[in-house]
Amino acid sequence: MTSATTASAGKGAVACCPPLTSKDLSEADAEKMAAMFKALGDPVRLRLFSRVASRMGDEVCVCEIADVGVSAPTVSHHLKKLREAGLLTSERRATWVFYRVPPDVMVAMGRMFADAVDA
């Protein structure tokens, strides 16, 4: 049932489906979020992201998260894709690389899902 159908159905009619968010995503925000979700669409990347995100803003050394059942070069490739999507930041210290989820990433993702729940 469309909103037009709802309006013509009479006074007090309720739309069948509430909107997913309280406001539409801008084109730029949609592009950014799509890239993030695309990067998270791979199970290995999702596991790596989850391991970093579970540290609640603290950084984590790659040596602590790399045991996801793939080779070290493959882990590096997946972490690079997560960085390119803006989901992780990194800092090299000597031979180790430390990763962190930028706070604005979690806020943006949380806001998007909170809007869906609130609707």
N, C-alpha and C. Protein backbone atom coordinates (compact mmCIF):
# COMPACT_ATOMS: atom_id res chain seq x y z
N MET A 1 0.85 -1.17 0.00
CA MET A 1 0.00 0.00 0.00
C MET A 1 0.89 1.23 0.00
N THR A 2 0.70 2.11 -0.93
CA THR A 2 1.49 3.33 -1.01
C THR A 2 0.88 4.39 -0.12
N SER A 3 1.65 5.46 0.10
CA SER A 3 1.10 6.54 0.92
C SER A 3 -0.12 7.16 0.24
N ALA A 4 -0.13 7.17 -1.10
CA ALA A 4 -1.29 7.69 -1.81
C ALA A 4 -2.50 6.79 -1.55
N THR A 5 -2.27 5.49 -1.56
CA THR A 5 -3.34 4.55 -1.28
C THR A 5 -3.81 4.71 0.15
N THR A 6 -2.87 4.92 1.07
CA THR A 6 -3.22 5.11 2.47
C THR A 6 -4.08 6.35 2.63
N ALA A 7 -3.68 7.43 1.96
CA ALA A 7 -4.42 8.68 2.08
C ALA A 7 -5.84 8.54 1.53
N SER A 8 -5.98 7.78 0.44
CA SER A 8 -7.30 7.64 -0.15
C SER A 8 -8.15 6.59 0.55
N ALA A 9 -7.53 5.81 1.44
CA ALA A 9 -8.27 4.75 2.13
C ALA A 9 -9.17 5.31 3.21
N GLY A 10 -8.99 6.57 3.55
CA GLY A 10 -9.88 7.18 4.52
C GLY A 10 -9.14 7.66 5.74
N LYS A 11 -9.87 8.39 6.55
CA LYS A 11 -9.31 8.99 7.76
C LYS A 11 -8.90 7.89 8.74
N GLY A 12 -7.73 8.04 9.33
CA GLY A 12 -7.27 7.09 10.34
C GLY A 12 -6.55 5.88 9.76
N ALA A 13 -6.40 5.81 8.44
CA ALA A 13 -5.69 4.70 7.82
C ALA A 13 -4.21 4.80 8.19
N VAL A 14 -3.58 3.66 8.38
CA VAL A 14 -2.17 3.60 8.76
C VAL A 14 -1.38 2.99 7.61
N ALA A 15 -0.24 3.58 7.30
CA ALA A 15 0.62 3.04 6.26
C ALA A 15 1.07 1.64 6.66
N CYS A 16 1.21 0.77 5.69
CA CYS A 16 1.59 -0.61 6.00
C CYS A 16 3.04 -0.73 6.42
N CYS A 17 3.90 0.14 5.93
CA CYS A 17 5.33 0.01 6.19
C CYS A 17 5.91 1.35 6.63
N PRO A 18 6.40 1.44 7.88
CA PRO A 18 7.02 2.69 8.30
C PRO A 18 8.35 2.89 7.57
N PRO A 19 8.78 4.13 7.43
CA PRO A 19 10.08 4.38 6.77
C PRO A 19 11.22 3.79 7.60
N LEU A 20 12.31 3.43 6.92
CA LEU A 20 13.45 2.84 7.62
C LEU A 20 14.21 3.85 8.46
N THR A 21 14.27 5.07 8.03
CA THR A 21 14.98 6.10 8.78
C THR A 21 14.10 7.33 8.90
N SER A 22 14.48 8.19 9.83
CA SER A 22 13.70 9.40 10.02
C SER A 22 13.94 10.42 8.92
N LYS A 23 15.05 10.27 8.20
CA LYS A 23 15.32 11.16 7.07
C LYS A 23 16.06 10.36 6.01
N ASP A 24 15.93 10.81 4.78
CA ASP A 24 16.63 10.15 3.67
C ASP A 24 18.12 10.38 3.79
N LEU A 25 18.90 9.40 3.36
CA LEU A 25 20.34 9.58 3.27
C LEU A 25 20.67 10.49 2.10
N SER A 26 21.65 11.35 2.28
CA SER A 26 22.11 12.15 1.15
C SER A 26 22.84 11.22 0.19
N GLU A 27 23.06 11.68 -1.01
CA GLU A 27 23.78 10.86 -1.99
C GLU A 27 25.18 10.53 -1.49
N ALA A 28 25.86 11.52 -0.91
CA ALA A 28 27.22 11.31 -0.40
C ALA A 28 27.23 10.31 0.75
N ASP A 29 26.28 10.44 1.67
CA ASP A 29 26.20 9.52 2.80
C ASP A 29 25.87 8.11 2.33
N ALA A 30 24.99 8.00 1.34
CA ALA A 30 24.63 6.69 0.81
C ALA A 30 25.83 6.02 0.16
N GLU A 31 26.62 6.79 -0.58
CA GLU A 31 27.83 6.24 -1.20
C GLU A 31 28.81 5.75 -0.14
N LYS A 32 29.00 6.55 0.89
CA LYS A 32 29.94 6.19 1.96
C LYS A 32 29.46 4.94 2.71
N MET A 33 28.19 4.91 3.06
CA MET A 33 27.65 3.76 3.79
C MET A 33 27.67 2.51 2.92
N ALA A 34 27.38 2.64 1.64
CA ALA A 34 27.40 1.49 0.73
C ALA A 34 28.81 0.89 0.66
N ALA A 35 29.83 1.75 0.59
CA ALA A 35 31.21 1.27 0.57
C ALA A 35 31.55 0.53 1.86
N MET A 36 31.07 1.05 2.97
CA MET A 36 31.32 0.39 4.26
C MET A 36 30.65 -0.98 4.31
N PHE A 37 29.38 -1.03 3.93
CA PHE A 37 28.67 -2.30 3.97
C PHE A 37 29.22 -3.29 2.96
N LYS A 38 29.67 -2.79 1.82
CA LYS A 38 30.29 -3.68 0.82
C LYS A 38 31.56 -4.30 1.41
N ALA A 39 32.37 -3.48 2.07
CA ALA A 39 33.59 -4.00 2.69
C ALA A 39 33.26 -5.02 3.77
N LEU A 40 32.19 -4.81 4.49
CA LEU A 40 31.81 -5.75 5.55
C LEU A 40 31.09 -6.98 5.01
N GLY A 41 30.83 -7.01 3.71
CA GLY A 41 30.13 -8.14 3.10
C GLY A 41 30.97 -9.40 2.99
N ASP A 42 32.25 -9.31 3.25
CA ASP A 42 33.12 -10.47 3.22
C ASP A 42 33.25 -11.01 4.65
N PRO A 43 33.06 -12.32 4.85
CA PRO A 43 33.10 -12.87 6.22
C PRO A 43 34.43 -12.64 6.95
N VAL A 44 35.55 -12.72 6.24
CA VAL A 44 36.85 -12.49 6.89
C VAL A 44 36.96 -11.03 7.32
N ARG A 45 36.54 -10.12 6.46
CA ARG A 45 36.60 -8.70 6.81
C ARG A 45 35.67 -8.39 7.97
N LEU A 46 34.50 -8.98 7.96
CA LEU A 46 33.56 -8.77 9.06
C LEU A 46 34.15 -9.26 10.38
N ARG A 47 34.81 -10.41 10.37
CA ARG A 47 35.45 -10.92 11.59
C ARG A 47 36.57 -10.00 12.04
N LEU A 48 37.39 -9.53 11.10
CA LEU A 48 38.49 -8.62 11.47
C LEU A 48 37.93 -7.31 12.04
N PHE A 49 36.93 -6.76 11.37
CA PHE A 49 36.32 -5.53 11.88
C PHE A 49 35.74 -5.74 13.27
N SER A 50 35.07 -6.84 13.46
CA SER A 50 34.46 -7.15 14.75
C SER A 50 35.52 -7.23 15.85
N ARG A 51 36.64 -7.82 15.53
CA ARG A 51 37.72 -7.94 16.53
C ARG A 51 38.27 -6.58 16.93
N VAL A 52 38.37 -5.68 15.97
CA VAL A 52 38.86 -4.34 16.29
C VAL A 52 37.77 -3.54 17.00
N ALA A 53 36.56 -3.60 16.50
CA ALA A 53 35.45 -2.83 17.08
C ALA A 53 35.14 -3.27 18.50
N SER A 54 35.36 -4.52 18.81
CA SER A 54 35.05 -5.01 20.16
C SER A 54 35.98 -4.44 21.22
N ARG A 55 37.02 -3.77 20.81
CA ARG A 55 37.95 -3.13 21.76
C ARG A 55 37.45 -1.78 22.24
N MET A 56 36.25 -1.39 21.81
CA MET A 56 35.58 -0.17 22.28
C MET A 56 36.46 1.07 22.19
N GLY A 57 37.01 1.33 21.03
CA GLY A 57 37.79 2.54 20.81
C GLY A 57 39.27 2.40 21.04
N ASP A 58 39.68 1.32 21.69
CA ASP A 58 41.11 1.09 21.89
C ASP A 58 41.71 0.54 20.61
N GLU A 59 43.00 0.73 20.48
CA GLU A 59 43.68 0.17 19.32
C GLU A 59 44.04 -1.29 19.59
N VAL A 60 44.26 -2.01 18.51
CA VAL A 60 44.61 -3.42 18.61
C VAL A 60 45.71 -3.72 17.59
N CYS A 61 46.68 -4.50 18.01
CA CYS A 61 47.79 -4.88 17.14
C CYS A 61 47.31 -5.96 16.18
N VAL A 62 47.79 -5.88 14.95
CA VAL A 62 47.42 -6.88 13.96
C VAL A 62 47.76 -8.29 14.45
N CYS A 63 48.79 -8.41 15.25
CA CYS A 63 49.18 -9.72 15.76
C CYS A 63 48.10 -10.35 16.65
N GLU A 64 47.21 -9.52 17.19
CA GLU A 64 46.14 -10.01 18.07
C GLU A 64 44.88 -10.42 17.31
N ILE A 65 44.76 -10.02 16.06
CA ILE A 65 43.51 -10.28 15.34
C ILE A 65 43.70 -11.11 14.08
N ALA A 66 44.93 -11.46 13.74
CA ALA A 66 45.22 -12.07 12.44
C ALA A 66 44.83 -13.54 12.32
N ASP A 67 44.46 -14.19 13.39
CA ASP A 67 44.14 -15.62 13.33
C ASP A 67 42.69 -15.86 12.90
N VAL A 68 42.42 -15.58 11.64
CA VAL A 68 41.06 -15.75 11.11
C VAL A 68 41.01 -16.85 10.03
N GLY A 69 42.03 -17.68 10.00
CA GLY A 69 42.02 -18.83 9.09
C GLY A 69 42.50 -18.57 7.69
N VAL A 70 43.15 -17.43 7.47
CA VAL A 70 43.72 -17.12 6.15
C VAL A 70 45.17 -16.69 6.35
N SER A 71 45.92 -16.64 5.26
CA SER A 71 47.34 -16.28 5.34
C SER A 71 47.53 -14.82 5.74
N ALA A 72 48.73 -14.50 6.20
CA ALA A 72 49.05 -13.13 6.61
C ALA A 72 48.87 -12.13 5.46
N PRO A 73 49.31 -12.45 4.23
CA PRO A 73 49.08 -11.50 3.14
C PRO A 73 47.58 -11.28 2.87
N THR A 74 46.78 -12.31 3.05
CA THR A 74 45.34 -12.16 2.86
C THR A 74 44.73 -11.29 3.94
N VAL A 75 45.19 -11.45 5.18
CA VAL A 75 44.74 -10.58 6.27
C VAL A 75 45.08 -9.14 5.94
N SER A 76 46.30 -8.91 5.48
CA SER A 76 46.72 -7.54 5.12
C SER A 76 45.83 -6.97 4.02
N HIS A 77 45.50 -7.78 3.04
CA HIS A 77 44.62 -7.34 1.95
C HIS A 77 43.25 -6.92 2.51
N HIS A 78 42.69 -7.74 3.37
CA HIS A 78 41.36 -7.44 3.93
C HIS A 78 41.40 -6.20 4.82
N LEU A 79 42.45 -6.05 5.61
CA LEU A 79 42.57 -4.86 6.45
C LEU A 79 42.71 -3.60 5.60
N LYS A 80 43.41 -3.73 4.47
CA LYS A 80 43.54 -2.59 3.54
C LYS A 80 42.17 -2.20 3.00
N LYS A 81 41.35 -3.17 2.63
CA LYS A 81 40.01 -2.88 2.12
C LYS A 81 39.16 -2.20 3.19
N LEU A 82 39.29 -2.62 4.44
CA LEU A 82 38.55 -1.98 5.53
C LEU A 82 39.02 -0.54 5.75
N ARG A 83 40.33 -0.31 5.61
CA ARG A 83 40.85 1.06 5.73
C ARG A 83 40.35 1.92 4.57
N GLU A 84 40.39 1.39 3.37
CA GLU A 84 39.94 2.15 2.19
C GLU A 84 38.46 2.52 2.29
N ALA A 85 37.68 1.68 2.95
CA ALA A 85 36.25 1.96 3.12
C ALA A 85 36.00 2.92 4.28
N GLY A 86 37.06 3.29 4.99
CA GLY A 86 36.92 4.22 6.11
C GLY A 86 36.49 3.57 7.41
N LEU A 87 36.52 2.24 7.46
CA LEU A 87 36.09 1.53 8.67
C LEU A 87 37.18 1.40 9.71
N LEU A 88 38.43 1.47 9.28
CA LEU A 88 39.56 1.36 10.21
C LEU A 88 40.59 2.44 9.92
N THR A 89 41.32 2.80 10.95
CA THR A 89 42.53 3.60 10.78
C THR A 89 43.68 2.74 11.27
N SER A 90 44.88 3.07 10.84
CA SER A 90 46.03 2.27 11.26
C SER A 90 47.23 3.16 11.54
N GLU A 91 48.11 2.61 12.35
CA GLU A 91 49.37 3.30 12.66
C GLU A 91 50.46 2.24 12.77
N ARG A 92 51.53 2.43 11.99
CA ARG A 92 52.65 1.50 12.04
C ARG A 92 53.61 1.92 13.15
N ARG A 93 54.02 0.94 13.94
CA ARG A 93 55.04 1.15 14.97
C ARG A 93 56.05 0.02 14.84
N ALA A 94 57.21 0.38 14.39
CA ALA A 94 58.27 -0.61 14.12
C ALA A 94 57.72 -1.62 13.11
N THR A 95 57.66 -2.90 13.49
CA THR A 95 57.19 -3.92 12.55
C THR A 95 55.70 -4.23 12.69
N TRP A 96 55.03 -3.64 13.67
CA TRP A 96 53.62 -3.95 13.92
C TRP A 96 52.73 -2.80 13.47
N VAL A 97 51.52 -3.15 13.09
CA VAL A 97 50.52 -2.15 12.72
C VAL A 97 49.37 -2.26 13.71
N PHE A 98 48.94 -1.11 14.21
CA PHE A 98 47.84 -1.06 15.18
C PHE A 98 46.61 -0.45 14.50
N TYR A 99 45.46 -1.06 14.77
CA TYR A 99 44.21 -0.65 14.13
C TYR A 99 43.22 -0.14 15.17
N ARG A 100 42.36 0.74 14.69
CA ARG A 100 41.31 1.32 15.53
C ARG A 100 40.11 1.64 14.63
N VAL A 101 38.92 1.54 15.20
CA VAL A 101 37.71 1.97 14.49
C VAL A 101 37.49 3.43 14.85
N PRO A 102 37.46 4.32 13.86
CA PRO A 102 37.20 5.73 14.17
C PRO A 102 35.84 5.89 14.85
N PRO A 103 35.75 6.71 15.89
CA PRO A 103 34.47 6.87 16.60
C PRO A 103 33.32 7.30 15.69
N ASP A 104 33.58 8.13 14.69
CA ASP A 104 32.50 8.59 13.83
C ASP A 104 31.89 7.46 13.01
N VAL A 105 32.66 6.40 12.76
CA VAL A 105 32.13 5.25 12.02
C VAL A 105 31.05 4.56 12.84
N MET A 106 31.35 4.29 14.08
CA MET A 106 30.39 3.61 14.94
C MET A 106 29.16 4.50 15.18
N VAL A 107 29.38 5.79 15.31
CA VAL A 107 28.26 6.72 15.51
C VAL A 107 27.35 6.71 14.28
N ALA A 108 27.95 6.81 13.09
CA ALA A 108 27.15 6.84 11.86
C ALA A 108 26.37 5.54 11.67
N MET A 109 27.04 4.42 11.88
CA MET A 109 26.36 3.13 11.72
C MET A 109 25.28 2.96 12.79
N GLY A 110 25.61 3.33 14.00
CA GLY A 110 24.63 3.23 15.09
C GLY A 110 23.43 4.10 14.85
N ARG A 111 23.66 5.32 14.36
CA ARG A 111 22.55 6.24 14.09
C ARG A 111 21.65 5.68 13.00
N MET A 112 22.24 5.10 11.98
CA MET A 112 21.44 4.56 10.89
C MET A 112 20.55 3.42 11.40
N PHE A 113 21.12 2.53 12.21
CA PHE A 113 20.32 1.42 12.74
C PHE A 113 19.34 1.89 13.80
N ALA A 114 19.71 2.88 14.59
CA ALA A 114 18.80 3.40 15.62
C ALA A 114 17.59 4.04 14.96
N ASP A 115 17.81 4.77 13.87
CA ASP A 115 16.71 5.37 13.15
C ASP A 115 15.75 4.30 12.64
N ALA A 116 16.31 3.17 12.18
CA ALA A 116 15.45 2.08 11.68
C ALA A 116 14.63 1.48 12.81
N VAL A 117 15.21 1.34 13.99
CA VAL A 117 14.50 0.77 15.13
C VAL A 117 13.44 1.74 15.63
N ASP A 118 13.78 3.03 15.69
CA ASP A 118 12.85 4.04 16.18
C ASP A 118 11.65 4.22 15.28
N ALA A 119 11.85 3.96 13.98
CA ALA A 119 10.74 4.14 13.03
C ALA A 119 9.71 3.08 13.31
